[in-house]
Amino acid sequence: MKKHAALVLGGFVLMFIASASANSRTTNIETRAAGTDEPKSVPGTINRGHGAIVKPGYIFVRRGDQVDVFRTRGSKTGTYVCSCRSGKVNEKCELLFSPKQILCRQGSCSGASCRLVPVEPAATQ
């Protein structure tokens, strides 16, 4: 009987751990597809926290405050911008750029978080 009780208790503990880990997230992605919990991204990229990485066969090209995503064969798949949600016109987020990764940082945006926003064709990941 003790063995059976230990197995049942162990099963409940494993179910609790599994359900807790299924509901947790390791990244905070703020851009979501309408009506879903899926993050939005430009085709050829993968969202990572407040940034994105480029998939093989695609490249990032910086244009001022924007980053375009291109297939290596030349066609554009979309554009990202960093958006400040403070509502103040003079406040901006800082865009960190590398050929394989882009990231939004706080910059002069006060009290509100910055987010990477796809402004042209965005697909649900």
C-alpha atoms as a PDB file:
ATOM      1  CA  MET A   1       0.000   0.000   0.000  1.00  0.00           C
ATOM      2  CA  LYS A   2       2.846   2.400   0.803  1.00  0.00           C
ATOM      3  CA  LYS A   3       4.415   1.662  -2.568  1.00  0.00           C
ATOM      4  CA  HIS A   4       1.148   2.465  -4.352  1.00  0.00           C
ATOM      5  CA  ALA A   5       0.744   5.747  -2.423  1.00  0.00           C
ATOM      6  CA  ALA A   6       4.315   6.748  -3.295  1.00  0.00           C
ATOM      7  CA  LEU A   7       3.682   6.081  -6.993  1.00  0.00           C
ATOM      8  CA  VAL A   8       0.468   8.112  -6.979  1.00  0.00           C
ATOM      9  CA  LEU A   9       2.148  10.998  -5.142  1.00  0.00           C
ATOM     10  CA  GLY A  10       5.104  10.865  -7.540  1.00  0.00           C
ATOM     11  CA  GLY A  11       2.718  10.979 -10.497  1.00  0.00           C
ATOM     12  CA  PHE A  12       0.982  14.084  -9.124  1.00  0.00           C
ATOM     13  CA  VAL A  13       4.330  15.803  -8.562  1.00  0.00           C
ATOM     14  CA  LEU A  14       5.414  15.072 -12.149  1.00  0.00           C
ATOM     15  CA  MET A  15       2.081  16.342 -13.516  1.00  0.00           C
ATOM     16  CA  PHE A  16       2.446  19.543 -11.472  1.00  0.00           C
ATOM     17  CA  ILE A  17       5.991  20.137 -12.738  1.00  0.00           C
ATOM     18  CA  ALA A  18       4.959  19.463 -16.343  1.00  0.00           C
ATOM     19  CA  SER A  19       1.985  21.849 -16.167  1.00  0.00           C
ATOM     20  CA  ALA A  20       4.076  24.581 -14.518  1.00  0.00           C
ATOM     21  CA  SER A  21       6.806  24.354 -17.143  1.00  0.00           C
ATOM     22  CA  ALA A  22       4.290  24.270 -20.003  1.00  0.00           C
ATOM     23  CA  ASN A  23       2.879  27.631 -18.894  1.00  0.00           C
ATOM     24  CA  SER A  24       6.215  29.380 -18.352  1.00  0.00           C
ATOM     25  CA  ARG A  25       8.055  31.376 -21.029  1.00  0.00           C
ATOM     26  CA  THR A  26      11.754  32.105 -21.191  1.00  0.00           C
ATOM     27  CA  THR A  27      11.408  35.068 -23.552  1.00  0.00           C
ATOM     28  CA  ASN A  28       9.186  38.116 -23.424  1.00  0.00           C
ATOM     29  CA  ILE A  29       7.878  38.747 -26.921  1.00  0.00           C
ATOM     30  CA  GLU A  30       5.447  41.633 -27.002  1.00  0.00           C
ATOM     31  CA  THR A  31       4.358  41.580 -30.634  1.00  0.00           C
ATOM     32  CA  ARG A  32       1.467  39.127 -31.065  1.00  0.00           C
ATOM     33  CA  ALA A  33      -0.753  38.079 -33.927  1.00  0.00           C
ATOM     34  CA  ALA A  34      -4.317  39.341 -33.512  1.00  0.00           C
ATOM     35  CA  GLY A  35      -6.416  36.966 -31.431  1.00  0.00           C
ATOM     36  CA  THR A  36      -3.569  34.502 -30.820  1.00  0.00           C
ATOM     37  CA  ASP A  37      -0.624  34.035 -28.506  1.00  0.00           C
ATOM     38  CA  GLU A  38       1.775  33.601 -31.439  1.00  0.00           C
ATOM     39  CA  PRO A  39       4.533  36.209 -32.014  1.00  0.00           C
ATOM     40  CA  LYS A  40       4.635  38.106 -35.312  1.00  0.00           C
ATOM     41  CA  SER A  41       7.795  38.101 -37.375  1.00  0.00           C
ATOM     42  CA  VAL A  42       8.984  39.069 -40.818  1.00  0.00           C
ATOM     43  CA  PRO A  43       9.454  35.983 -43.013  1.00  0.00           C
ATOM     44  CA  GLY A  44      13.057  34.784 -42.777  1.00  0.00           C
ATOM     45  CA  THR A  45      13.478  35.769 -39.119  1.00  0.00           C
ATOM     46  CA  ILE A  46      12.831  34.372 -35.647  1.00  0.00           C
ATOM     47  CA  ASN A  47      11.761  36.601 -32.730  1.00  0.00           C
ATOM     48  CA  ARG A  48      14.006  36.442 -29.644  1.00  0.00           C
ATOM     49  CA  GLY A  49      12.929  38.598 -26.699  1.00  0.00           C
ATOM     50  CA  HIS A  50      13.109  42.245 -27.811  1.00  0.00           C
ATOM     51  CA  GLY A  51      14.932  41.343 -31.016  1.00  0.00           C
ATOM     52  CA  ALA A  52      15.139  38.940 -33.923  1.00  0.00           C
ATOM     53  CA  ILE A  53      17.682  36.687 -35.583  1.00  0.00           C
ATOM     54  CA  VAL A  54      17.915  36.006 -39.290  1.00  0.00           C
ATOM     55  CA  LYS A  55      17.407  32.509 -40.695  1.00  0.00           C
ATOM     56  CA  PRO A  56      19.874  30.940 -43.142  1.00  0.00           C
ATOM     57  CA  GLY A  57      19.290  32.249 -46.663  1.00  0.00           C
ATOM     58  CA  TYR A  58      18.222  35.736 -45.449  1.00  0.00           C
ATOM     59  CA  ILE A  59      20.048  38.946 -44.492  1.00  0.00           C
ATOM     60  CA  PHE A  60      19.331  42.137 -42.522  1.00  0.00           C
ATOM     61  CA  VAL A  61      19.926  45.495 -44.238  1.00  0.00           C
ATOM     62  CA  ARG A  62      19.795  48.643 -42.097  1.00  0.00           C
ATOM     63  CA  ARG A  63      18.063  51.756 -43.457  1.00  0.00           C
ATOM     64  CA  GLY A  64      18.309  54.445 -40.760  1.00  0.00           C
ATOM     65  CA  ASP A  65      15.792  53.549 -38.022  1.00  0.00           C
ATOM     66  CA  GLN A  66      14.506  50.543 -39.971  1.00  0.00           C
ATOM     67  CA  VAL A  67      15.878  47.116 -40.826  1.00  0.00           C
ATOM     68  CA  ASP A  68      14.805  45.353 -44.004  1.00  0.00           C
ATOM     69  CA  VAL A  69      14.888  41.579 -44.382  1.00  0.00           C
ATOM     70  CA  PHE A  70      15.970  40.210 -47.775  1.00  0.00           C
ATOM     71  CA  ARG A  71      16.400  36.760 -49.219  1.00  0.00           C
ATOM     72  CA  THR A  72      20.041  36.332 -50.206  1.00  0.00           C
ATOM     73  CA  ARG A  73      18.824  36.176 -53.815  1.00  0.00           C
ATOM     74  CA  GLY A  74      17.488  39.706 -53.518  1.00  0.00           C
ATOM     75  CA  SER A  75      13.737  39.883 -52.815  1.00  0.00           C
ATOM     76  CA  LYS A  76      12.574  41.817 -49.744  1.00  0.00           C
ATOM     77  CA  THR A  77      10.379  39.941 -47.248  1.00  0.00           C
ATOM     78  CA  GLY A  78       9.612  42.762 -44.796  1.00  0.00           C
ATOM     79  CA  THR A  79      10.811  45.503 -42.444  1.00  0.00           C
ATOM     80  CA  TYR A  80      11.283  45.919 -38.675  1.00  0.00           C
ATOM     81  CA  VAL A  81      11.276  49.113 -36.571  1.00  0.00           C
ATOM     82  CA  CYS A  82      11.803  49.702 -32.841  1.00  0.00           C
ATOM     83  CA  SER A  83       8.682  51.180 -31.287  1.00  0.00           C
ATOM     84  CA  CYS A  84       8.529  53.214 -28.048  1.00  0.00           C
ATOM     85  CA  ARG A  85       5.178  52.792 -26.292  1.00  0.00           C
ATOM     86  CA  SER A  86       5.459  55.912 -24.098  1.00  0.00           C
ATOM     87  CA  GLY A  87       3.365  57.987 -26.520  1.00  0.00           C
ATOM     88  CA  LYS A  88       5.859  60.892 -26.446  1.00  0.00           C
ATOM     89  CA  VAL A  89       7.031  61.992 -29.895  1.00  0.00           C
ATOM     90  CA  ASN A  90      10.598  62.909 -28.877  1.00  0.00           C
ATOM     91  CA  GLU A  91      11.340  59.593 -27.172  1.00  0.00           C
ATOM     92  CA  LYS A  92      12.889  56.788 -29.194  1.00  0.00           C
ATOM     93  CA  CYS A  93      14.194  53.295 -28.710  1.00  0.00           C
ATOM     94  CA  GLU A  94      17.692  52.377 -29.783  1.00  0.00           C
ATOM     95  CA  LEU A  95      18.116  49.823 -32.564  1.00  0.00           C
ATOM     96  CA  LEU A  96      21.181  47.594 -32.204  1.00  0.00           C
ATOM     97  CA  PHE A  97      22.148  46.067 -35.529  1.00  0.00           C
ATOM     98  CA  SER A  98      24.414  43.249 -36.634  1.00  0.00           C
ATOM     99  CA  PRO A  99      24.239  41.254 -39.876  1.00  0.00           C
ATOM    100  CA  LYS A 100      22.663  38.259 -38.077  1.00  0.00           C
ATOM    101  CA  GLN A 101      20.733  39.857 -35.174  1.00  0.00           C
ATOM    102  CA  ILE A 102      18.770  43.019 -34.342  1.00  0.00           C
ATOM    103  CA  LEU A 103      17.683  44.204 -30.899  1.00  0.00           C
ATOM    104  CA  CYS A 104      15.587  47.035 -29.429  1.00  0.00           C
ATOM    105  CA  ARG A 105      16.972  48.814 -26.347  1.00  0.00           C
ATOM    106  CA  GLN A 106      15.436  51.469 -24.110  1.00  0.00           C
ATOM    107  CA  GLY A 107      17.254  54.478 -25.603  1.00  0.00           C
ATOM    108  CA  SER A 108      15.406  57.695 -24.589  1.00  0.00           C
ATOM    109  CA  CYS A 109      12.063  55.885 -24.246  1.00  0.00           C
ATOM    110  CA  SER A 110      11.014  56.479 -20.631  1.00  0.00           C
ATOM    111  CA  GLY A 111       8.809  54.344 -18.456  1.00  0.00           C
ATOM    112  CA  ALA A 112       7.617  52.124 -21.272  1.00  0.00           C
ATOM    113  CA  SER A 113       9.211  49.152 -22.906  1.00  0.00           C
ATOM    114  CA  CYS A 114      10.529  49.136 -26.426  1.00  0.00           C
ATOM    115  CA  ARG A 115       9.496  46.452 -28.857  1.00  0.00           C
ATOM    116  CA  LEU A 116      10.562  45.252 -32.270  1.00  0.00           C
ATOM    117  CA  VAL A 117       7.615  45.656 -34.648  1.00  0.00           C
ATOM    118  CA  PRO A 118       7.221  44.206 -38.143  1.00  0.00           C
ATOM    119  CA  VAL A 119       5.796  46.988 -40.344  1.00  0.00           C
ATOM    120  CA  GLU A 120       5.595  45.098 -43.628  1.00  0.00           C
ATOM    121  CA  PRO A 121       4.539  41.548 -44.391  1.00  0.00           C
ATOM    122  CA  ALA A 122       4.540  39.786 -41.058  1.00  0.00           C
ATOM    123  CA  ALA A 123       3.904  36.094 -40.629  1.00  0.00           C
ATOM    124  CA  THR A 124       2.867  34.272 -37.478  1.00  0.00           C
ATOM    125  CA  GLN A 125       5.831  32.173 -36.319  1.00  0.00           C
END
